[in-house]
N, C-alpha and C. Protein backbone atom coordinates (compact mmCIF):
# COMPACT_ATOMS: atom_id res chain seq x y z
N MET A 1 11.66 3.94 23.62
CA MET A 1 11.55 3.30 22.32
C MET A 1 11.14 4.36 21.30
N ALA A 2 11.82 4.38 20.18
CA ALA A 2 11.49 5.31 19.11
C ALA A 2 10.19 4.88 18.44
N ARG A 3 9.38 5.84 18.11
CA ARG A 3 8.11 5.59 17.42
C ARG A 3 8.33 5.62 15.91
N ILE A 4 7.55 4.83 15.19
CA ILE A 4 7.62 4.83 13.73
C ILE A 4 7.00 6.12 13.22
N LYS A 5 7.69 6.75 12.30
CA LYS A 5 7.19 7.96 11.64
C LYS A 5 7.26 7.73 10.15
N VAL A 6 6.11 7.80 9.48
CA VAL A 6 6.05 7.62 8.04
C VAL A 6 5.85 8.99 7.40
N ASP A 7 6.84 9.45 6.66
CA ASP A 7 6.75 10.73 5.96
C ASP A 7 6.15 10.48 4.59
N LEU A 8 4.89 10.86 4.44
CA LEU A 8 4.18 10.60 3.20
C LEU A 8 4.62 11.56 2.09
N PRO A 9 4.71 11.05 0.86
CA PRO A 9 4.99 11.93 -0.27
C PRO A 9 3.80 12.89 -0.49
N GLU A 10 4.04 13.94 -1.23
CA GLU A 10 2.97 14.91 -1.50
C GLU A 10 1.99 14.41 -2.55
N GLN A 11 2.47 13.64 -3.53
CA GLN A 11 1.64 13.18 -4.64
C GLN A 11 1.42 11.67 -4.57
N PHE A 12 0.20 11.24 -4.91
CA PHE A 12 -0.14 9.83 -5.02
C PHE A 12 -0.71 9.58 -6.40
N THR A 13 -0.47 8.39 -6.94
CA THR A 13 -0.87 8.10 -8.32
C THR A 13 -2.10 7.20 -8.43
N PHE A 14 -2.56 6.65 -7.31
CA PHE A 14 -3.68 5.71 -7.34
C PHE A 14 -4.50 5.88 -6.07
N THR A 15 -5.81 5.78 -6.20
CA THR A 15 -6.70 5.86 -5.04
C THR A 15 -7.83 4.84 -5.19
N THR A 16 -8.18 4.21 -4.09
CA THR A 16 -9.30 3.29 -4.04
C THR A 16 -10.04 3.50 -2.73
N THR A 17 -11.26 3.02 -2.66
CA THR A 17 -12.05 3.12 -1.43
C THR A 17 -12.36 1.71 -0.94
N ILE A 18 -12.13 1.49 0.34
CA ILE A 18 -12.34 0.17 0.95
C ILE A 18 -13.26 0.34 2.15
N PRO A 19 -14.42 -0.34 2.13
CA PRO A 19 -15.36 -0.23 3.26
C PRO A 19 -14.92 -1.09 4.44
N ILE A 20 -15.22 -0.62 5.63
CA ILE A 20 -14.94 -1.39 6.85
C ILE A 20 -16.13 -2.33 7.10
N ARG A 21 -15.82 -3.62 7.18
CA ARG A 21 -16.83 -4.65 7.40
C ARG A 21 -16.96 -4.95 8.89
N ILE A 22 -18.02 -5.56 9.29
CA ILE A 22 -18.22 -5.91 10.70
C ILE A 22 -17.12 -6.87 11.17
N THR A 23 -16.64 -7.71 10.26
CA THR A 23 -15.58 -8.66 10.63
C THR A 23 -14.21 -7.99 10.78
N ASP A 24 -14.11 -6.73 10.41
CA ASP A 24 -12.84 -5.99 10.56
C ASP A 24 -12.65 -5.44 11.97
N LEU A 25 -13.69 -5.52 12.79
CA LEU A 25 -13.61 -4.94 14.13
C LEU A 25 -13.00 -5.92 15.13
N ASN A 26 -12.29 -5.36 16.10
CA ASN A 26 -11.72 -6.19 17.15
C ASN A 26 -12.59 -6.10 18.41
N TYR A 27 -12.14 -6.69 19.50
CA TYR A 27 -12.93 -6.71 20.72
C TYR A 27 -13.14 -5.31 21.31
N GLY A 28 -12.36 -4.33 20.87
CA GLY A 28 -12.54 -2.95 21.31
C GLY A 28 -13.61 -2.21 20.52
N GLY A 29 -14.18 -2.88 19.50
CA GLY A 29 -15.23 -2.27 18.72
C GLY A 29 -14.75 -1.36 17.60
N HIS A 30 -13.45 -1.40 17.35
CA HIS A 30 -12.88 -0.62 16.25
C HIS A 30 -11.93 -1.49 15.44
N VAL A 31 -11.41 -0.92 14.36
CA VAL A 31 -10.48 -1.67 13.50
C VAL A 31 -9.15 -1.85 14.22
N GLY A 32 -8.64 -3.07 14.21
CA GLY A 32 -7.36 -3.36 14.84
C GLY A 32 -6.21 -3.22 13.86
N ASN A 33 -5.00 -3.33 14.39
CA ASN A 33 -3.81 -3.14 13.55
C ASN A 33 -3.69 -4.23 12.49
N ASP A 34 -4.17 -5.42 12.76
CA ASP A 34 -4.12 -6.47 11.74
C ASP A 34 -5.00 -6.13 10.55
N THR A 35 -6.12 -5.47 10.80
CA THR A 35 -7.00 -5.08 9.70
C THR A 35 -6.39 -3.95 8.88
N ILE A 36 -5.71 -3.03 9.53
CA ILE A 36 -5.02 -1.97 8.77
C ILE A 36 -4.03 -2.60 7.80
N LEU A 37 -3.29 -3.59 8.25
CA LEU A 37 -2.35 -4.29 7.37
C LEU A 37 -3.09 -4.98 6.23
N SER A 38 -4.25 -5.57 6.51
CA SER A 38 -5.05 -6.20 5.46
C SER A 38 -5.57 -5.16 4.45
N ILE A 39 -5.97 -4.01 4.93
CA ILE A 39 -6.43 -2.93 4.04
C ILE A 39 -5.29 -2.49 3.13
N ILE A 40 -4.12 -2.36 3.68
CA ILE A 40 -2.94 -1.99 2.89
C ILE A 40 -2.67 -3.06 1.82
N HIS A 41 -2.79 -4.32 2.20
CA HIS A 41 -2.58 -5.41 1.25
C HIS A 41 -3.60 -5.32 0.11
N GLU A 42 -4.85 -5.11 0.44
CA GLU A 42 -5.89 -4.99 -0.59
C GLU A 42 -5.61 -3.81 -1.52
N ALA A 43 -5.22 -2.68 -0.95
CA ALA A 43 -4.91 -1.50 -1.77
C ALA A 43 -3.72 -1.78 -2.69
N ARG A 44 -2.72 -2.51 -2.19
CA ARG A 44 -1.54 -2.86 -3.00
C ARG A 44 -1.95 -3.75 -4.18
N VAL A 45 -2.79 -4.74 -3.92
CA VAL A 45 -3.26 -5.63 -4.99
C VAL A 45 -4.03 -4.83 -6.04
N GLN A 46 -4.90 -3.93 -5.61
CA GLN A 46 -5.65 -3.10 -6.55
C GLN A 46 -4.72 -2.17 -7.33
N PHE A 47 -3.71 -1.61 -6.67
CA PHE A 47 -2.72 -0.76 -7.33
C PHE A 47 -1.99 -1.54 -8.43
N MET A 48 -1.56 -2.74 -8.10
CA MET A 48 -0.85 -3.58 -9.08
C MET A 48 -1.78 -3.94 -10.25
N GLN A 49 -3.02 -4.33 -9.94
CA GLN A 49 -3.98 -4.67 -11.00
C GLN A 49 -4.27 -3.47 -11.90
N HIS A 50 -4.33 -2.30 -11.32
CA HIS A 50 -4.55 -1.07 -12.08
C HIS A 50 -3.47 -0.90 -13.16
N HIS A 51 -2.27 -1.38 -12.86
CA HIS A 51 -1.15 -1.28 -13.80
C HIS A 51 -0.96 -2.55 -14.63
N GLY A 52 -1.91 -3.49 -14.51
CA GLY A 52 -1.86 -4.70 -15.31
C GLY A 52 -0.99 -5.80 -14.73
N TYR A 53 -0.70 -5.74 -13.44
CA TYR A 53 0.17 -6.71 -12.79
C TYR A 53 -0.54 -7.43 -11.64
N GLY A 54 0.07 -8.51 -11.20
CA GLY A 54 -0.30 -9.20 -9.98
C GLY A 54 0.97 -9.36 -9.16
N GLU A 55 0.83 -9.67 -7.90
CA GLU A 55 2.02 -9.80 -7.06
C GLU A 55 2.88 -11.00 -7.46
N LEU A 56 2.28 -11.96 -8.15
CA LEU A 56 3.05 -13.13 -8.61
C LEU A 56 3.43 -13.02 -10.09
N ASN A 57 2.92 -11.99 -10.76
CA ASN A 57 3.27 -11.81 -12.17
C ASN A 57 3.36 -10.33 -12.50
N MET A 58 4.55 -9.82 -12.34
CA MET A 58 4.86 -8.43 -12.62
C MET A 58 5.91 -8.45 -13.72
N ALA A 59 5.44 -8.50 -14.98
CA ALA A 59 6.34 -8.63 -16.13
C ALA A 59 7.20 -9.90 -16.00
N GLY A 60 6.57 -10.99 -15.55
CA GLY A 60 7.25 -12.27 -15.44
C GLY A 60 7.91 -12.55 -14.11
N LEU A 61 7.92 -11.57 -13.22
CA LEU A 61 8.52 -11.75 -11.90
C LEU A 61 7.46 -11.49 -10.84
N GLY A 62 7.80 -11.74 -9.60
CA GLY A 62 6.90 -11.47 -8.49
C GLY A 62 7.47 -10.40 -7.59
N VAL A 63 6.70 -10.06 -6.55
CA VAL A 63 7.20 -9.15 -5.52
C VAL A 63 6.92 -9.75 -4.16
N ILE A 64 7.79 -9.44 -3.23
CA ILE A 64 7.66 -9.87 -1.84
C ILE A 64 7.74 -8.62 -0.96
N MET A 65 6.84 -8.53 0.01
CA MET A 65 6.91 -7.43 0.97
C MET A 65 8.03 -7.73 1.96
N SER A 66 9.05 -6.89 1.98
CA SER A 66 10.20 -7.13 2.86
C SER A 66 10.06 -6.47 4.22
N ASP A 67 9.29 -5.40 4.30
CA ASP A 67 9.08 -4.74 5.58
C ASP A 67 7.84 -3.86 5.50
N VAL A 68 7.35 -3.46 6.66
CA VAL A 68 6.17 -2.59 6.72
C VAL A 68 6.30 -1.68 7.93
N GLY A 69 5.86 -0.45 7.76
CA GLY A 69 5.75 0.50 8.86
C GLY A 69 4.39 1.16 8.80
N ILE A 70 3.70 1.20 9.93
CA ILE A 70 2.37 1.81 9.98
C ILE A 70 2.34 2.80 11.14
N GLU A 71 1.89 4.01 10.82
CA GLU A 71 1.70 5.04 11.84
C GLU A 71 0.19 5.27 11.98
N PHE A 72 -0.35 4.87 13.12
CA PHE A 72 -1.78 4.98 13.37
C PHE A 72 -2.12 6.38 13.85
N LYS A 73 -3.23 6.93 13.33
CA LYS A 73 -3.63 8.30 13.67
C LYS A 73 -5.02 8.39 14.28
N GLN A 74 -5.99 7.63 13.72
CA GLN A 74 -7.38 7.72 14.15
C GLN A 74 -8.02 6.33 14.11
N GLU A 75 -9.11 6.18 14.83
CA GLU A 75 -9.86 4.93 14.81
C GLU A 75 -10.73 4.84 13.56
N LEU A 76 -11.03 3.61 13.19
CA LEU A 76 -12.00 3.30 12.14
C LEU A 76 -13.07 2.41 12.76
N PHE A 77 -14.30 2.59 12.28
CA PHE A 77 -15.43 1.84 12.81
C PHE A 77 -16.22 1.21 11.68
N TYR A 78 -17.15 0.33 12.05
CA TYR A 78 -17.99 -0.33 11.07
C TYR A 78 -18.66 0.69 10.14
N ALA A 79 -18.63 0.37 8.85
CA ALA A 79 -19.25 1.16 7.77
C ALA A 79 -18.45 2.39 7.36
N ASP A 80 -17.33 2.68 8.04
CA ASP A 80 -16.47 3.76 7.53
C ASP A 80 -15.98 3.38 6.15
N GLN A 81 -15.82 4.36 5.30
CA GLN A 81 -15.25 4.16 3.97
C GLN A 81 -13.83 4.72 4.01
N VAL A 82 -12.85 3.87 3.77
CA VAL A 82 -11.46 4.29 3.85
C VAL A 82 -10.95 4.59 2.44
N LYS A 83 -10.52 5.80 2.24
CA LYS A 83 -9.89 6.19 0.98
C LYS A 83 -8.40 5.90 1.14
N VAL A 84 -7.90 4.99 0.30
CA VAL A 84 -6.48 4.62 0.38
C VAL A 84 -5.79 5.10 -0.89
N SER A 85 -4.79 5.94 -0.72
CA SER A 85 -3.99 6.44 -1.82
C SER A 85 -2.64 5.73 -1.78
N VAL A 86 -2.12 5.38 -2.98
CA VAL A 86 -0.88 4.59 -3.07
C VAL A 86 0.05 5.24 -4.09
N VAL A 87 1.35 5.18 -3.82
CA VAL A 87 2.36 5.62 -4.78
C VAL A 87 3.61 4.77 -4.62
N ALA A 88 4.27 4.49 -5.73
CA ALA A 88 5.54 3.74 -5.74
C ALA A 88 6.69 4.74 -5.88
N THR A 89 7.70 4.60 -5.03
CA THR A 89 8.84 5.52 -5.04
C THR A 89 10.12 4.77 -4.67
N GLU A 90 11.21 5.50 -4.63
CA GLU A 90 12.50 5.03 -4.11
C GLU A 90 12.95 3.71 -4.73
N PHE A 91 12.96 3.66 -6.04
CA PHE A 91 13.37 2.45 -6.75
C PHE A 91 14.88 2.25 -6.67
N SER A 92 15.28 1.02 -6.39
CA SER A 92 16.68 0.60 -6.50
C SER A 92 16.72 -0.45 -7.61
N LYS A 93 17.80 -1.17 -7.70
CA LYS A 93 17.89 -2.20 -8.74
C LYS A 93 16.86 -3.31 -8.52
N ILE A 94 16.64 -3.71 -7.26
CA ILE A 94 15.76 -4.85 -6.98
C ILE A 94 14.55 -4.53 -6.13
N ALA A 95 14.44 -3.31 -5.62
CA ALA A 95 13.38 -3.01 -4.65
C ALA A 95 12.80 -1.62 -4.86
N PHE A 96 11.64 -1.40 -4.24
CA PHE A 96 11.01 -0.09 -4.24
C PHE A 96 10.12 0.03 -3.01
N GLU A 97 9.68 1.24 -2.74
CA GLU A 97 8.80 1.51 -1.61
C GLU A 97 7.41 1.83 -2.12
N LEU A 98 6.40 1.36 -1.41
CA LEU A 98 5.03 1.78 -1.64
C LEU A 98 4.58 2.55 -0.41
N TYR A 99 4.02 3.73 -0.63
CA TYR A 99 3.47 4.54 0.45
C TYR A 99 1.96 4.51 0.35
N TYR A 100 1.30 4.54 1.52
CA TYR A 100 -0.15 4.46 1.61
C TYR A 100 -0.65 5.57 2.54
N LYS A 101 -1.65 6.28 2.08
CA LYS A 101 -2.32 7.28 2.91
C LYS A 101 -3.76 6.83 3.08
N LEU A 102 -4.16 6.53 4.32
CA LEU A 102 -5.51 6.07 4.62
C LEU A 102 -6.28 7.22 5.26
N GLU A 103 -7.43 7.56 4.65
CA GLU A 103 -8.23 8.69 5.12
C GLU A 103 -9.70 8.29 5.20
N LYS A 104 -10.44 9.01 6.05
CA LYS A 104 -11.89 8.85 6.08
C LYS A 104 -12.52 10.23 6.13
N GLU A 105 -13.74 10.29 5.60
CA GLU A 105 -14.51 11.53 5.61
C GLU A 105 -15.34 11.58 6.89
N THR A 106 -15.32 12.71 7.56
CA THR A 106 -16.23 12.94 8.67
C THR A 106 -17.21 14.03 8.21
N SER A 107 -18.13 14.38 9.06
CA SER A 107 -19.09 15.43 8.67
C SER A 107 -18.40 16.77 8.48
N GLU A 108 -17.24 16.95 9.10
CA GLU A 108 -16.54 18.23 9.03
C GLU A 108 -15.40 18.27 8.02
N LYS A 109 -14.68 17.12 7.87
CA LYS A 109 -13.45 17.17 7.07
C LYS A 109 -12.93 15.78 6.75
N THR A 110 -11.87 15.74 5.96
CA THR A 110 -11.15 14.49 5.69
C THR A 110 -10.10 14.32 6.78
N VAL A 111 -10.05 13.11 7.36
CA VAL A 111 -9.16 12.84 8.48
C VAL A 111 -8.16 11.76 8.10
N LEU A 112 -6.89 11.99 8.39
CA LEU A 112 -5.86 10.97 8.18
C LEU A 112 -6.01 9.90 9.25
N VAL A 113 -6.20 8.66 8.81
CA VAL A 113 -6.39 7.53 9.71
C VAL A 113 -5.06 6.83 9.99
N ALA A 114 -4.27 6.64 8.93
CA ALA A 114 -2.98 5.97 9.07
C ALA A 114 -2.09 6.32 7.88
N ALA A 115 -0.81 6.28 8.13
CA ALA A 115 0.20 6.43 7.08
C ALA A 115 1.04 5.16 7.13
N ALA A 116 1.37 4.63 5.96
CA ALA A 116 2.11 3.37 5.96
C ALA A 116 3.10 3.33 4.80
N LYS A 117 4.05 2.43 4.94
CA LYS A 117 5.07 2.22 3.90
C LYS A 117 5.42 0.75 3.90
N THR A 118 5.51 0.17 2.70
CA THR A 118 5.99 -1.20 2.58
C THR A 118 7.19 -1.24 1.65
N GLY A 119 8.17 -2.01 2.02
CA GLY A 119 9.30 -2.28 1.14
C GLY A 119 8.96 -3.49 0.28
N MET A 120 9.11 -3.35 -1.02
CA MET A 120 8.78 -4.42 -1.95
C MET A 120 10.05 -4.84 -2.70
N VAL A 121 10.30 -6.13 -2.74
CA VAL A 121 11.49 -6.68 -3.40
C VAL A 121 11.03 -7.51 -4.59
N CYS A 122 11.64 -7.29 -5.74
CA CYS A 122 11.34 -8.05 -6.94
C CYS A 122 11.95 -9.45 -6.78
N TYR A 123 11.16 -10.47 -7.10
CA TYR A 123 11.59 -11.85 -6.82
C TYR A 123 11.24 -12.76 -7.99
N ASP A 124 12.20 -13.58 -8.36
CA ASP A 124 11.99 -14.59 -9.40
C ASP A 124 11.65 -15.90 -8.70
N TYR A 125 10.36 -16.25 -8.71
CA TYR A 125 9.91 -17.46 -8.01
C TYR A 125 10.45 -18.73 -8.66
N ALA A 126 10.67 -18.73 -9.96
CA ALA A 126 11.21 -19.92 -10.63
C ALA A 126 12.64 -20.20 -10.19
N LYS A 127 13.43 -19.14 -10.05
CA LYS A 127 14.84 -19.28 -9.65
C LYS A 127 15.04 -19.18 -8.14
N LYS A 128 13.98 -18.80 -7.42
CA LYS A 128 14.03 -18.65 -5.95
C LYS A 128 15.10 -17.66 -5.51
N LYS A 129 15.12 -16.48 -6.19
CA LYS A 129 16.08 -15.45 -5.78
C LYS A 129 15.57 -14.07 -6.21
N VAL A 130 16.14 -13.05 -5.58
CA VAL A 130 15.76 -11.68 -5.94
C VAL A 130 16.18 -11.40 -7.37
N ALA A 131 15.50 -10.45 -7.99
CA ALA A 131 15.76 -10.14 -9.39
C ALA A 131 15.68 -8.64 -9.61
N ALA A 132 16.27 -8.18 -10.69
CA ALA A 132 16.21 -6.77 -11.05
C ALA A 132 14.80 -6.41 -11.49
N ILE A 133 14.36 -5.24 -11.11
CA ILE A 133 13.04 -4.75 -11.50
C ILE A 133 13.06 -4.45 -13.00
N PRO A 134 12.15 -5.04 -13.77
CA PRO A 134 12.09 -4.71 -15.19
C PRO A 134 11.79 -3.22 -15.40
N GLU A 135 12.45 -2.60 -16.35
CA GLU A 135 12.26 -1.17 -16.61
C GLU A 135 10.80 -0.86 -16.91
N GLU A 136 10.11 -1.75 -17.61
CA GLU A 136 8.68 -1.58 -17.90
C GLU A 136 7.89 -1.38 -16.61
N VAL A 137 8.22 -2.15 -15.59
CA VAL A 137 7.52 -2.08 -14.31
C VAL A 137 7.78 -0.73 -13.65
N ARG A 138 9.03 -0.34 -13.59
CA ARG A 138 9.37 0.95 -12.97
C ARG A 138 8.62 2.08 -13.67
N LEU A 139 8.61 2.07 -14.99
CA LEU A 139 7.94 3.12 -15.75
C LEU A 139 6.43 3.15 -15.49
N LYS A 140 5.81 1.97 -15.48
CA LYS A 140 4.36 1.90 -15.24
C LYS A 140 4.00 2.32 -13.82
N LEU A 141 4.71 1.80 -12.84
CA LEU A 141 4.35 2.08 -11.45
C LEU A 141 4.59 3.53 -11.05
N THR A 142 5.54 4.18 -11.69
CA THR A 142 5.80 5.59 -11.39
C THR A 142 5.01 6.54 -12.26
N GLY A 143 4.33 6.00 -13.29
CA GLY A 143 3.58 6.85 -14.20
C GLY A 143 4.44 7.50 -15.25
N ALA A 144 5.72 7.14 -15.31
CA ALA A 144 6.64 7.75 -16.28
C ALA A 144 6.34 7.34 -17.72
N GLU A 145 5.67 6.21 -17.91
CA GLU A 145 5.35 5.76 -19.27
C GLU A 145 4.35 6.66 -19.96
N ARG A 146 3.57 7.41 -19.16
CA ARG A 146 2.56 8.30 -19.75
C ARG A 146 3.13 9.65 -20.13
N GLN A 147 4.36 9.91 -19.76
CA GLN A 147 4.95 11.22 -20.02
C GLN A 147 5.66 11.28 -21.34
């Protein structure tokens, strides 16, 4: 079986820190794969809010996660602080990719915990169908509006 490989971009446009809670641990005493997905979801919501959007209101449209890939690298434990970096790339007419780099600080260095990618599709909830990404959204999410 082929393993998932997430090739992270070199640059990220947004970073947040998410603490690991006691409820994030599984029976093995570390963070499970379901929690990594939840951390990615939280980082995505914060990324969207940073740009003035919500997943249900992105310039009048919504977004739906169409797929996800996660490459696990290291364990996370209670009280670890996860630095999550996010960037939007690979825009098409109706979809784009979000990449996530999850890292933690150790006493010696910064360690990559996981790399992830989600496919996001622009969706018109009123019409119940996919929609073209508004140019305003593409510009904001890529940082092109500031240039």
